[in-house]
């Protein structure tokens, strides 16, 4: 018997995370440690995809690229994302 489940077992909890307006979520910049709502980040819409930068240090927090066939979400600039339940 293994100690883990197939990744499909995470579908329920992850659907709660991705089904809300994520701009209300708080995140911490991996580079400078600033924490704030994603809505306070700086959006650069004319980059390769949608680019959010930290208002404190201007490093990239989040990148969203839509190729038409696929959508790729890169969160490598955030050390965490926190959602507040109602």
N, C-alpha and C. Protein backbone atom coordinates (compact mmCIF):
# COMPACT_ATOMS: atom_id res chain seq x y z
N UNK A 1 0.84 -1.18 0.00
CA UNK A 1 0.00 0.00 0.00
C UNK A 1 0.89 1.24 0.00
N UNK A 2 0.59 2.22 -0.92
CA UNK A 2 1.42 3.41 -1.01
C UNK A 2 0.96 4.50 -0.04
N UNK A 3 1.82 5.50 0.16
CA UNK A 3 1.52 6.61 1.07
C UNK A 3 0.87 7.79 0.36
N UNK A 4 0.63 7.67 -0.93
CA UNK A 4 0.09 8.81 -1.68
C UNK A 4 -1.09 8.38 -2.55
N UNK A 5 -1.84 9.41 -3.01
CA UNK A 5 -2.97 9.19 -3.90
C UNK A 5 -2.64 9.72 -5.27
N UNK A 6 -3.34 9.31 -6.27
CA UNK A 6 -3.24 9.86 -7.61
C UNK A 6 -3.59 11.35 -7.54
N UNK A 7 -2.96 12.17 -8.38
CA UNK A 7 -3.20 13.61 -8.39
C UNK A 7 -4.65 13.99 -8.62
N UNK A 8 -5.43 13.10 -9.21
CA UNK A 8 -6.86 13.38 -9.41
C UNK A 8 -7.59 13.59 -8.09
N UNK A 9 -7.05 13.07 -7.01
CA UNK A 9 -7.68 13.23 -5.70
C UNK A 9 -7.64 14.69 -5.24
N UNK A 10 -6.80 15.52 -5.86
CA UNK A 10 -6.71 16.94 -5.51
C UNK A 10 -7.71 17.79 -6.28
N UNK A 11 -8.48 17.21 -7.18
CA UNK A 11 -9.40 17.97 -8.03
C UNK A 11 -10.40 18.79 -7.21
N UNK A 12 -10.96 18.23 -6.18
CA UNK A 12 -11.96 18.94 -5.37
C UNK A 12 -11.37 20.18 -4.70
N UNK A 13 -10.33 20.04 -3.88
CA UNK A 13 -9.74 21.21 -3.23
C UNK A 13 -9.20 22.24 -4.23
N UNK A 14 -8.60 21.80 -5.33
CA UNK A 14 -8.05 22.75 -6.30
C UNK A 14 -9.15 23.48 -7.06
N UNK A 15 -10.30 22.84 -7.27
CA UNK A 15 -11.39 23.51 -7.98
C UNK A 15 -11.92 24.68 -7.16
N UNK A 16 -11.84 24.59 -5.83
CA UNK A 16 -12.24 25.72 -5.00
C UNK A 16 -11.27 26.88 -5.20
N UNK A 17 -9.99 26.57 -5.32
CA UNK A 17 -8.97 27.60 -5.46
C UNK A 17 -9.09 28.34 -6.79
N UNK A 18 -9.28 27.62 -7.86
CA UNK A 18 -9.27 28.23 -9.18
C UNK A 18 -10.64 28.68 -9.66
N UNK A 19 -11.69 28.53 -8.87
CA UNK A 19 -13.04 28.92 -9.29
C UNK A 19 -13.43 30.31 -8.79
N UNK A 20 -12.52 31.02 -8.14
CA UNK A 20 -12.85 32.34 -7.60
C UNK A 20 -12.05 33.43 -8.32
N UNK A 21 -12.39 34.66 -8.02
CA UNK A 21 -11.64 35.79 -8.56
C UNK A 21 -10.29 35.83 -7.85
N UNK A 22 -9.26 35.38 -8.51
CA UNK A 22 -7.95 35.23 -7.86
C UNK A 22 -7.29 36.58 -7.58
N UNK A 23 -7.79 37.68 -8.15
CA UNK A 23 -7.19 38.99 -7.85
C UNK A 23 -7.46 39.39 -6.41
N UNK A 24 -8.42 38.74 -5.75
CA UNK A 24 -8.68 39.02 -4.34
C UNK A 24 -7.72 38.25 -3.43
N UNK A 25 -7.01 37.30 -4.00
CA UNK A 25 -6.06 36.50 -3.21
C UNK A 25 -4.84 37.34 -2.84
N UNK A 26 -4.22 37.00 -1.71
CA UNK A 26 -2.98 37.65 -1.29
C UNK A 26 -1.82 36.74 -1.67
N UNK A 27 -0.75 37.35 -2.09
CA UNK A 27 0.42 36.57 -2.42
C UNK A 27 1.68 37.26 -1.92
N UNK A 28 2.75 36.48 -1.77
CA UNK A 28 4.04 37.02 -1.33
C UNK A 28 5.03 36.93 -2.48
N UNK A 29 5.67 38.06 -2.75
CA UNK A 29 6.69 38.11 -3.79
C UNK A 29 7.88 37.26 -3.34
N UNK A 30 8.29 36.35 -4.19
CA UNK A 30 9.42 35.48 -3.89
C UNK A 30 10.73 36.27 -3.81
N UNK A 31 10.79 37.42 -4.47
CA UNK A 31 12.04 38.18 -4.58
C UNK A 31 12.24 39.15 -3.41
N UNK A 32 11.19 39.96 -3.08
CA UNK A 32 11.38 40.98 -2.03
C UNK A 32 10.57 40.70 -0.76
N UNK A 33 9.67 39.72 -0.80
CA UNK A 33 8.90 39.35 0.38
C UNK A 33 7.65 40.19 0.61
N UNK A 34 7.39 41.16 -0.29
CA UNK A 34 6.18 41.97 -0.12
C UNK A 34 4.95 41.09 -0.24
N UNK A 35 3.98 41.30 0.64
CA UNK A 35 2.72 40.55 0.60
C UNK A 35 1.59 41.52 0.35
N UNK A 36 0.69 41.16 -0.57
CA UNK A 36 -0.44 42.01 -0.88
C UNK A 36 -1.41 41.30 -1.81
N UNK A 37 -2.57 41.93 -2.01
CA UNK A 37 -3.56 41.38 -2.94
C UNK A 37 -3.01 41.41 -4.36
N UNK A 38 -3.33 40.38 -5.13
CA UNK A 38 -2.85 40.36 -6.51
C UNK A 38 -3.41 41.54 -7.30
N UNK A 39 -4.53 42.09 -6.86
CA UNK A 39 -5.12 43.25 -7.53
C UNK A 39 -4.21 44.48 -7.42
N UNK A 40 -3.29 44.50 -6.46
CA UNK A 40 -2.39 45.63 -6.31
C UNK A 40 -1.12 45.48 -7.15
N UNK A 41 -0.96 44.35 -7.81
CA UNK A 41 0.22 44.14 -8.66
C UNK A 41 0.10 45.00 -9.91
N UNK A 42 1.21 45.13 -10.63
CA UNK A 42 1.24 45.93 -11.86
C UNK A 42 1.09 45.01 -13.06
N UNK A 43 0.08 45.27 -13.88
CA UNK A 43 -0.22 44.45 -15.05
C UNK A 43 0.47 45.02 -16.29
N UNK A 44 1.18 44.15 -16.98
CA UNK A 44 1.82 44.52 -18.25
C UNK A 44 1.16 43.69 -19.34
N UNK A 45 0.07 44.21 -19.96
CA UNK A 45 -0.71 43.42 -20.90
C UNK A 45 -0.05 43.24 -22.26
N UNK A 46 0.96 44.01 -22.60
CA UNK A 46 1.55 43.91 -23.93
C UNK A 46 2.83 43.09 -23.95
N UNK A 47 3.07 42.32 -22.91
CA UNK A 47 4.21 41.41 -22.89
C UNK A 47 3.80 40.13 -23.59
N UNK A 48 4.62 39.11 -23.52
CA UNK A 48 4.25 37.80 -24.07
C UNK A 48 3.25 37.19 -23.10
N UNK A 49 1.98 37.47 -23.31
CA UNK A 49 0.93 37.03 -22.40
C UNK A 49 0.68 38.09 -21.36
N UNK A 50 -0.09 37.73 -20.36
CA UNK A 50 -0.42 38.64 -19.26
C UNK A 50 0.68 38.52 -18.21
N UNK A 51 1.21 39.66 -17.80
CA UNK A 51 2.33 39.66 -16.86
C UNK A 51 1.99 40.53 -15.67
N UNK A 52 2.07 39.98 -14.46
CA UNK A 52 1.90 40.75 -13.23
C UNK A 52 3.25 40.90 -12.56
N UNK A 53 3.59 42.16 -12.22
CA UNK A 53 4.85 42.43 -11.54
C UNK A 53 4.59 42.97 -10.14
N UNK A 54 5.50 42.71 -9.25
CA UNK A 54 5.41 43.19 -7.87
C UNK A 54 5.52 44.71 -7.85
N UNK A 55 4.61 45.42 -7.15
CA UNK A 55 4.72 46.87 -7.08
C UNK A 55 5.88 47.32 -6.19
N UNK A 56 6.44 46.41 -5.41
CA UNK A 56 7.56 46.75 -4.54
C UNK A 56 8.91 46.70 -5.23
N UNK A 57 9.15 45.62 -6.01
CA UNK A 57 10.46 45.43 -6.62
C UNK A 57 10.40 45.23 -8.13
N UNK A 58 9.21 45.21 -8.72
CA UNK A 58 8.93 45.04 -10.16
C UNK A 58 9.34 43.69 -10.72
N UNK A 59 9.69 42.72 -9.89
CA UNK A 59 9.97 41.37 -10.40
C UNK A 59 8.65 40.71 -10.81
N UNK A 60 8.74 39.72 -11.67
CA UNK A 60 7.56 39.03 -12.18
C UNK A 60 6.96 38.13 -11.09
N UNK A 61 5.66 38.33 -10.83
CA UNK A 61 4.93 37.48 -9.89
C UNK A 61 4.25 36.33 -10.61
N UNK A 62 3.62 36.66 -11.72
CA UNK A 62 2.72 35.72 -12.39
C UNK A 62 2.75 35.98 -13.88
N UNK A 63 2.67 34.92 -14.66
CA UNK A 63 2.62 35.04 -16.11
C UNK A 63 1.55 34.10 -16.62
N UNK A 64 0.68 34.59 -17.50
CA UNK A 64 -0.38 33.77 -18.10
C UNK A 64 -0.27 33.89 -19.61
N UNK A 65 -0.05 32.77 -20.27
CA UNK A 65 0.10 32.75 -21.71
C UNK A 65 -0.99 31.88 -22.31
N UNK A 66 -1.75 32.46 -23.22
CA UNK A 66 -2.84 31.76 -23.90
C UNK A 66 -2.45 31.64 -25.37
N UNK A 67 -2.24 30.41 -25.84
CA UNK A 67 -1.84 30.19 -27.23
C UNK A 67 -3.04 29.89 -28.12
N UNK A 68 -4.22 29.85 -27.54
CA UNK A 68 -5.40 29.45 -28.29
C UNK A 68 -5.74 28.00 -28.03
N UNK A 69 -4.75 27.13 -28.13
CA UNK A 69 -4.96 25.70 -27.86
C UNK A 69 -4.71 25.37 -26.39
N UNK A 70 -3.82 26.13 -25.75
CA UNK A 70 -3.48 25.87 -24.35
C UNK A 70 -3.36 27.19 -23.59
N UNK A 71 -3.49 27.09 -22.27
CA UNK A 71 -3.26 28.23 -21.38
C UNK A 71 -2.24 27.78 -20.36
N UNK A 72 -1.17 28.55 -20.19
CA UNK A 72 -0.12 28.21 -19.24
C UNK A 72 -0.05 29.27 -18.15
N UNK A 73 -0.11 28.86 -16.90
CA UNK A 73 -0.03 29.76 -15.76
C UNK A 73 1.27 29.50 -15.03
N UNK A 74 2.12 30.51 -14.95
CA UNK A 74 3.42 30.41 -14.28
C UNK A 74 3.37 31.27 -13.02
N UNK A 75 3.48 30.65 -11.86
CA UNK A 75 3.41 31.34 -10.57
C UNK A 75 4.76 31.37 -9.87
N UNK A 76 5.85 31.22 -10.62
CA UNK A 76 7.15 31.03 -9.96
C UNK A 76 7.62 32.24 -9.16
N UNK A 77 7.04 33.42 -9.37
CA UNK A 77 7.46 34.61 -8.63
C UNK A 77 6.73 34.80 -7.31
N UNK A 78 5.84 33.89 -6.99
CA UNK A 78 5.09 33.96 -5.73
C UNK A 78 5.51 32.83 -4.81
N UNK A 79 5.84 33.16 -3.57
CA UNK A 79 6.19 32.10 -2.63
C UNK A 79 4.95 31.45 -2.05
N UNK A 80 3.80 32.18 -2.07
CA UNK A 80 2.52 31.57 -1.72
C UNK A 80 1.39 32.44 -2.24
N UNK A 81 0.21 31.84 -2.34
CA UNK A 81 -1.03 32.54 -2.66
C UNK A 81 -2.03 32.12 -1.60
N UNK A 82 -2.69 33.11 -1.00
CA UNK A 82 -3.61 32.86 0.11
C UNK A 82 -5.00 33.37 -0.25
N UNK A 83 -6.00 32.51 -0.09
CA UNK A 83 -7.39 32.88 -0.35
C UNK A 83 -8.13 33.00 0.96
N UNK A 84 -8.96 34.02 1.08
CA UNK A 84 -9.80 34.20 2.26
C UNK A 84 -11.17 33.63 1.97
N UNK A 85 -11.62 32.71 2.79
CA UNK A 85 -12.99 32.20 2.64
C UNK A 85 -13.96 33.18 3.25
N UNK A 86 -15.18 33.22 2.70
CA UNK A 86 -16.21 34.13 3.24
C UNK A 86 -16.68 33.68 4.59
